[in-house]
N, C-alpha and C. Protein backbone atom coordinates (compact mmCIF):
# COMPACT_ATOMS: atom_id res chain seq x y z
N MET A 1 13.14 13.90 -5.69
CA MET A 1 12.93 12.70 -6.56
C MET A 1 12.18 11.70 -5.70
N THR A 2 11.15 11.10 -6.28
CA THR A 2 10.41 10.02 -5.63
C THR A 2 10.81 8.68 -6.06
N THR A 3 11.08 7.77 -5.17
CA THR A 3 11.33 6.39 -5.47
C THR A 3 10.11 5.54 -5.46
N ILE A 4 9.80 4.78 -6.41
CA ILE A 4 8.63 3.89 -6.44
C ILE A 4 9.18 2.52 -6.68
N GLN A 5 8.69 1.50 -5.68
CA GLN A 5 9.02 0.12 -5.81
C GLN A 5 8.00 -0.62 -6.55
N LEU A 6 8.37 -1.09 -7.72
CA LEU A 6 7.46 -2.01 -8.51
C LEU A 6 8.16 -3.38 -8.58
N ILE A 7 7.35 -4.37 -8.34
CA ILE A 7 7.76 -5.78 -8.31
C ILE A 7 7.16 -6.43 -9.51
N VAL A 8 8.08 -7.10 -10.33
CA VAL A 8 7.58 -7.82 -11.55
C VAL A 8 7.52 -9.39 -11.01
N LYS A 9 6.21 -9.87 -10.91
CA LYS A 9 6.13 -11.29 -10.44
C LYS A 9 6.38 -12.22 -11.71
N PRO A 10 6.68 -13.47 -11.23
CA PRO A 10 6.94 -14.45 -12.37
C PRO A 10 5.90 -14.58 -13.50
N ASP A 11 4.75 -14.33 -13.16
CA ASP A 11 3.65 -14.40 -14.26
C ASP A 11 3.55 -13.14 -15.16
N GLY A 12 4.49 -12.09 -14.84
CA GLY A 12 4.51 -10.82 -15.51
C GLY A 12 3.74 -9.73 -14.95
N LYS A 13 2.99 -10.06 -13.85
CA LYS A 13 2.12 -9.11 -13.20
C LYS A 13 3.06 -8.13 -12.41
N ILE A 14 2.77 -6.72 -12.51
CA ILE A 14 3.57 -5.84 -11.84
C ILE A 14 2.72 -5.36 -10.57
N VAL A 15 3.25 -5.24 -9.45
CA VAL A 15 2.75 -4.82 -8.21
C VAL A 15 3.39 -3.75 -7.60
N GLY A 16 2.78 -2.78 -7.00
CA GLY A 16 3.34 -1.68 -6.18
C GLY A 16 2.42 -0.88 -5.59
N VAL A 17 2.87 0.07 -4.69
CA VAL A 17 2.12 1.04 -4.03
C VAL A 17 1.84 2.22 -4.95
N TYR A 18 0.57 2.62 -5.18
CA TYR A 18 0.19 3.58 -6.15
C TYR A 18 0.73 4.84 -5.87
N SER A 19 1.19 5.64 -6.88
CA SER A 19 1.65 6.91 -6.78
C SER A 19 1.36 7.68 -8.07
N ASP A 20 0.98 8.96 -7.96
CA ASP A 20 0.66 9.76 -9.08
C ASP A 20 1.93 10.09 -9.93
N THR A 21 3.06 9.72 -9.52
CA THR A 21 4.24 10.14 -10.25
C THR A 21 4.52 9.49 -11.62
N ILE A 22 3.90 8.29 -11.88
CA ILE A 22 4.12 7.75 -13.01
C ILE A 22 2.84 7.36 -13.70
N ASP A 23 2.79 7.19 -14.99
CA ASP A 23 1.57 6.82 -15.79
C ASP A 23 1.56 5.35 -15.86
N TYR A 24 0.90 4.59 -15.13
CA TYR A 24 0.81 3.22 -15.02
C TYR A 24 0.42 2.54 -16.38
N ARG A 25 -0.35 3.31 -17.18
CA ARG A 25 -0.77 2.76 -18.49
C ARG A 25 0.39 2.51 -19.35
N THR A 26 1.49 3.06 -19.15
CA THR A 26 2.72 2.73 -19.95
C THR A 26 3.22 1.34 -19.78
N LEU A 27 2.72 0.80 -18.74
CA LEU A 27 3.29 -0.51 -18.44
C LEU A 27 2.17 -1.78 -18.72
N GLY A 28 1.12 -1.29 -19.44
CA GLY A 28 0.17 -2.27 -19.72
C GLY A 28 -1.16 -1.80 -19.33
N LYS A 29 -2.09 -2.65 -19.17
CA LYS A 29 -3.53 -2.39 -18.61
C LYS A 29 -3.50 -2.41 -17.18
N PRO A 30 -3.55 -1.28 -16.60
CA PRO A 30 -3.45 -1.16 -15.15
C PRO A 30 -4.74 -1.72 -14.46
N SER A 31 -4.64 -2.27 -13.17
CA SER A 31 -5.72 -2.55 -12.43
C SER A 31 -5.37 -2.09 -11.02
N VAL A 32 -6.12 -1.06 -10.65
CA VAL A 32 -5.78 -0.42 -9.25
C VAL A 32 -6.84 -0.82 -8.25
N ARG A 33 -6.47 -1.14 -7.20
CA ARG A 33 -7.47 -1.54 -6.08
C ARG A 33 -7.00 -1.15 -4.72
N ARG A 34 -7.83 -0.89 -3.79
CA ARG A 34 -7.69 -0.33 -2.40
C ARG A 34 -7.03 -1.57 -1.74
N ALA A 35 -5.78 -1.07 -1.11
CA ALA A 35 -5.08 -2.06 -0.29
C ALA A 35 -5.34 -1.82 1.22
N SER A 36 -5.83 -0.62 1.58
CA SER A 36 -6.07 -0.32 2.95
C SER A 36 -6.90 0.91 3.14
N TYR A 37 -7.20 1.11 4.52
CA TYR A 37 -8.01 2.19 4.85
C TYR A 37 -7.35 2.81 5.99
N VAL A 38 -7.08 4.19 5.78
CA VAL A 38 -6.57 5.06 6.97
C VAL A 38 -7.77 5.86 7.36
N GLU A 39 -8.13 5.57 8.70
CA GLU A 39 -9.38 6.07 9.26
C GLU A 39 -9.06 6.71 10.66
N PRO A 40 -9.97 7.74 10.94
CA PRO A 40 -9.88 8.22 12.48
C PRO A 40 -10.59 7.20 13.39
N THR A 41 -10.05 7.18 14.66
CA THR A 41 -10.83 6.49 15.68
C THR A 41 -11.90 7.43 16.32
N ASN A 42 -12.69 6.88 17.18
CA ASN A 42 -13.72 7.71 17.95
C ASN A 42 -12.83 8.72 18.83
N ASP A 43 -11.74 8.51 19.17
CA ASP A 43 -10.94 9.42 20.21
C ASP A 43 -9.93 10.27 19.29
N ALA A 44 -10.09 10.47 18.08
CA ALA A 44 -9.29 11.28 17.29
C ALA A 44 -7.85 10.73 17.06
N LEU A 45 -7.65 9.58 17.09
CA LEU A 45 -6.44 8.88 16.66
C LEU A 45 -6.64 8.39 15.27
N TRP A 46 -5.50 7.69 14.84
CA TRP A 46 -5.70 7.21 13.29
C TRP A 46 -5.17 5.77 13.24
N THR A 47 -5.88 4.94 12.42
CA THR A 47 -5.41 3.55 12.29
C THR A 47 -5.27 3.33 10.64
N ALA A 48 -4.43 2.28 10.43
CA ALA A 48 -4.39 1.99 9.05
C ALA A 48 -4.65 0.41 8.95
N ASP A 49 -5.74 0.15 8.15
CA ASP A 49 -6.37 -1.20 8.25
C ASP A 49 -5.92 -1.84 6.83
N LEU A 50 -5.02 -2.86 6.91
CA LEU A 50 -4.64 -3.45 5.72
C LEU A 50 -5.30 -4.86 5.29
N ALA A 51 -6.46 -5.02 6.01
CA ALA A 51 -7.35 -6.13 5.79
C ALA A 51 -7.60 -6.49 4.34
N PRO A 52 -7.83 -5.40 3.34
CA PRO A 52 -8.08 -5.77 2.02
C PRO A 52 -7.12 -6.62 1.43
N VAL A 53 -5.79 -6.64 1.83
CA VAL A 53 -4.67 -7.48 1.37
C VAL A 53 -4.24 -8.52 2.18
N GLY A 54 -5.03 -8.80 3.26
CA GLY A 54 -4.64 -9.85 4.35
C GLY A 54 -3.69 -9.29 5.28
N GLY A 55 -3.48 -8.08 5.46
CA GLY A 55 -2.67 -7.52 6.51
C GLY A 55 -3.34 -7.18 7.69
N PRO A 56 -2.55 -6.51 8.76
CA PRO A 56 -3.09 -6.26 10.02
C PRO A 56 -3.63 -4.85 9.98
N ARG A 57 -4.15 -4.47 11.16
CA ARG A 57 -4.58 -3.11 11.47
C ARG A 57 -3.36 -2.55 12.23
N LEU A 58 -2.93 -1.43 11.72
CA LEU A 58 -1.96 -0.67 12.43
C LEU A 58 -2.28 0.38 13.33
N GLY A 59 -1.64 0.78 14.42
CA GLY A 59 -1.91 1.97 15.17
C GLY A 59 -2.63 1.60 16.49
N PRO A 60 -3.06 2.56 17.21
CA PRO A 60 -3.44 3.91 16.74
C PRO A 60 -2.17 4.83 16.64
N PHE A 61 -2.35 5.78 15.85
CA PHE A 61 -1.26 6.76 15.76
C PHE A 61 -1.90 8.26 15.98
N GLU A 62 -1.15 9.19 16.44
CA GLU A 62 -1.61 10.45 16.90
C GLU A 62 -1.98 11.26 15.61
N ARG A 63 -1.13 11.09 14.55
CA ARG A 63 -1.39 11.86 13.32
C ARG A 63 -1.75 11.06 12.18
N ARG A 64 -2.43 11.54 11.27
CA ARG A 64 -2.84 10.75 10.00
C ARG A 64 -1.65 10.44 9.20
N ASP A 65 -0.75 11.47 9.13
CA ASP A 65 0.54 11.27 8.32
C ASP A 65 1.33 10.07 8.82
N GLU A 66 1.31 9.85 10.19
CA GLU A 66 2.11 8.75 10.74
C GLU A 66 1.40 7.54 10.33
N ALA A 67 0.05 7.38 10.28
CA ALA A 67 -0.54 6.24 9.92
C ALA A 67 -0.29 5.91 8.41
N VAL A 68 -0.31 6.88 7.58
CA VAL A 68 -0.04 6.65 6.20
C VAL A 68 1.46 6.20 6.00
N ALA A 69 2.34 6.75 6.71
CA ALA A 69 3.73 6.33 6.44
C ALA A 69 3.91 4.85 6.87
N LYS A 70 3.42 4.50 8.08
CA LYS A 70 3.40 2.98 8.41
C LYS A 70 2.64 2.18 7.36
N GLU A 71 1.54 2.59 6.98
CA GLU A 71 0.79 1.87 5.87
C GLU A 71 1.68 1.63 4.70
N ILE A 72 2.33 2.66 4.21
CA ILE A 72 3.19 2.51 3.04
C ILE A 72 4.35 1.59 3.23
N GLU A 73 5.05 1.76 4.41
CA GLU A 73 6.15 1.02 4.74
C GLU A 73 5.75 -0.59 4.83
N LEU A 74 4.64 -0.87 5.38
CA LEU A 74 4.26 -2.29 5.34
C LEU A 74 3.83 -2.77 4.07
N LEU A 75 2.94 -2.03 3.32
CA LEU A 75 2.62 -2.51 2.01
C LEU A 75 3.89 -2.72 1.10
N GLU A 76 4.91 -1.91 1.10
CA GLU A 76 6.06 -2.10 0.47
C GLU A 76 6.85 -3.41 0.79
N ARG A 77 6.84 -3.68 1.99
CA ARG A 77 7.44 -4.93 2.54
C ARG A 77 6.52 -6.24 2.05
N MET A 78 5.23 -6.02 2.10
CA MET A 78 4.30 -7.06 1.66
C MET A 78 4.51 -7.36 0.26
N ILE A 79 4.60 -6.35 -0.60
CA ILE A 79 4.73 -6.59 -2.04
C ILE A 79 6.00 -7.19 -2.45
N GLY A 80 7.02 -7.04 -1.64
CA GLY A 80 8.38 -7.52 -1.87
C GLY A 80 8.50 -8.99 -1.42
N ASP A 81 7.42 -9.58 -0.70
CA ASP A 81 7.40 -10.94 -0.28
C ASP A 81 6.94 -11.75 -1.53
N PRO A 82 7.74 -12.74 -1.79
CA PRO A 82 7.44 -13.60 -2.98
C PRO A 82 6.09 -14.21 -2.86
N ASP A 83 5.58 -14.50 -1.70
CA ASP A 83 4.37 -15.22 -1.48
C ASP A 83 3.10 -14.17 -1.45
N PHE A 84 3.29 -12.92 -1.65
CA PHE A 84 2.29 -11.96 -1.65
C PHE A 84 1.53 -12.14 -3.00
N ALA A 85 0.17 -12.38 -2.87
CA ALA A 85 -0.55 -12.59 -4.10
C ALA A 85 -0.84 -11.20 -4.86
N GLY A 86 -0.89 -10.16 -4.12
CA GLY A 86 -1.15 -8.88 -4.83
C GLY A 86 -2.50 -8.65 -5.25
């Protein structure tokens, strides 16, 4: 079973980290945008850059899945912050 964190903002906007496990169209008209970039470095390590949502660059990590896990962890904390614009 997969758990998905969705936050309903006071204005009715729903924000969360995208997952293919649900059909977001059932919640209204979805707007999906990139929140980060997980990319390799020149020395074959991995970083997660959350600049698109005003976040930091994480890493480097030895494996891509480590970078993705930290990326998701931080994004979920960010969307839970009442001041996060989304």
